[in-house]
Amino acid sequence: MDKIAVLIPCFNEEKTIEKVVRDFRAALPEAVIYVYDNNSTDKTAELAASAGAVVKREYQQGKGNVIRRMFREIEAECYVMVDGDDTYPAEFAPQMVQKVLKCQADMVVGDRLSSTYYQENKRPFHNMGNALVRFMIRFLFHTDIKDIMTGYRAFSYQFVKSFPVLSKGFEIETEMSIHAVDKNMHLENVVIEYRDRPEGSESKLNTYSDGGKVLLMIAQLFRIYKPMAFFSVIAFLLLLLSAVFFAPVWTEYQRTGLVERFPTLIVCGFVFLASMLSFYAGVILQTIRQKNRQDFEMRLLEISGSLHQK
């Protein structure tokens, strides 16, 4: 088992990967640097190997798929995840590692948004997207994570081996953040500097399609992790819809003693039943979620025991 493992997912980063590997070797001389090449068509793998990294490959395209492979294969007491585009300075890595090894943090978030991100990043829609995602997750999940979508993080062994990766692409960071918050893990924020990509290096993140995937992931995880709240909102909206259409039927009945809009009354009844079903679905799923939380805590005990044996 490694003491520290630096995990670098890469796709066509020949412009920067050599510098990134050397910077992290200098900042964390005791760490093993792993570069996972995700079907690059340039010299990313060769340059990473020449700089001293252990190069592995993931053939399923997408950052989430790469992270899944990394977390399955690498055994370490502390993991540092960073992008291969040289936007995250290596000098902050020792501070993040210390928070895992000395302060027992499960996830340390490299916070770009509190420093230079908005000045350095030249893509205004990315700025808006980061702000929107941060607001949504803070509102829905009540978390103090400063930067939801940063690619610079440090993890404990317990986090890595208990995190079920569902994402395939760039929504992986959002999934990590929500999972850590929901499972009451020890989170820390470290303010880091951010620098934009060097000239000639292009981002693989599509503002609109990947942004849409992130928002969809938030909705899905809200349904999974907060079923009572999710289905209660649906139940309330259906109840409100039923009441709106029932109001004129009731008013007419009060005035004439007759019900002439039977189709409307029937539809109102079915919508009301759907509202009740949605509410009780939330109650049942909330109970199941509570049982899953208990099982997860027992799983953490098993993982902690296996770490100590190693």
Foldseek 3Di string as FASTA:
>chain_A
DAAEEEEEEDAAQPVFQLVVLLQLCVQCVSYAYEYEYAPHPDCNQVSNVVSPHHYHYDPQDAPLSSLLVVLVPDDHQKYKFAYRQPFFGNNCVVVQSCCCPPVVAFKEAAAAPVDCCVVADPDVLVVVLQVVLVVVCCVLLVDPARGQQHRTMMGGNLLSVLQDRDDGHSLRSNSSVSVCSLLVGGYHYDYGHTHDGPPPDDDPDDSPPVSVVNVVVVLVVSCQSQVQVNLLVVLVVLLVVLCVLCVVQVVVCVVPVDRPPVVSNVVSVVSNVVSVVSNVVSVVSVVVNVVVSVVSVVVSVVSVVVVVVD
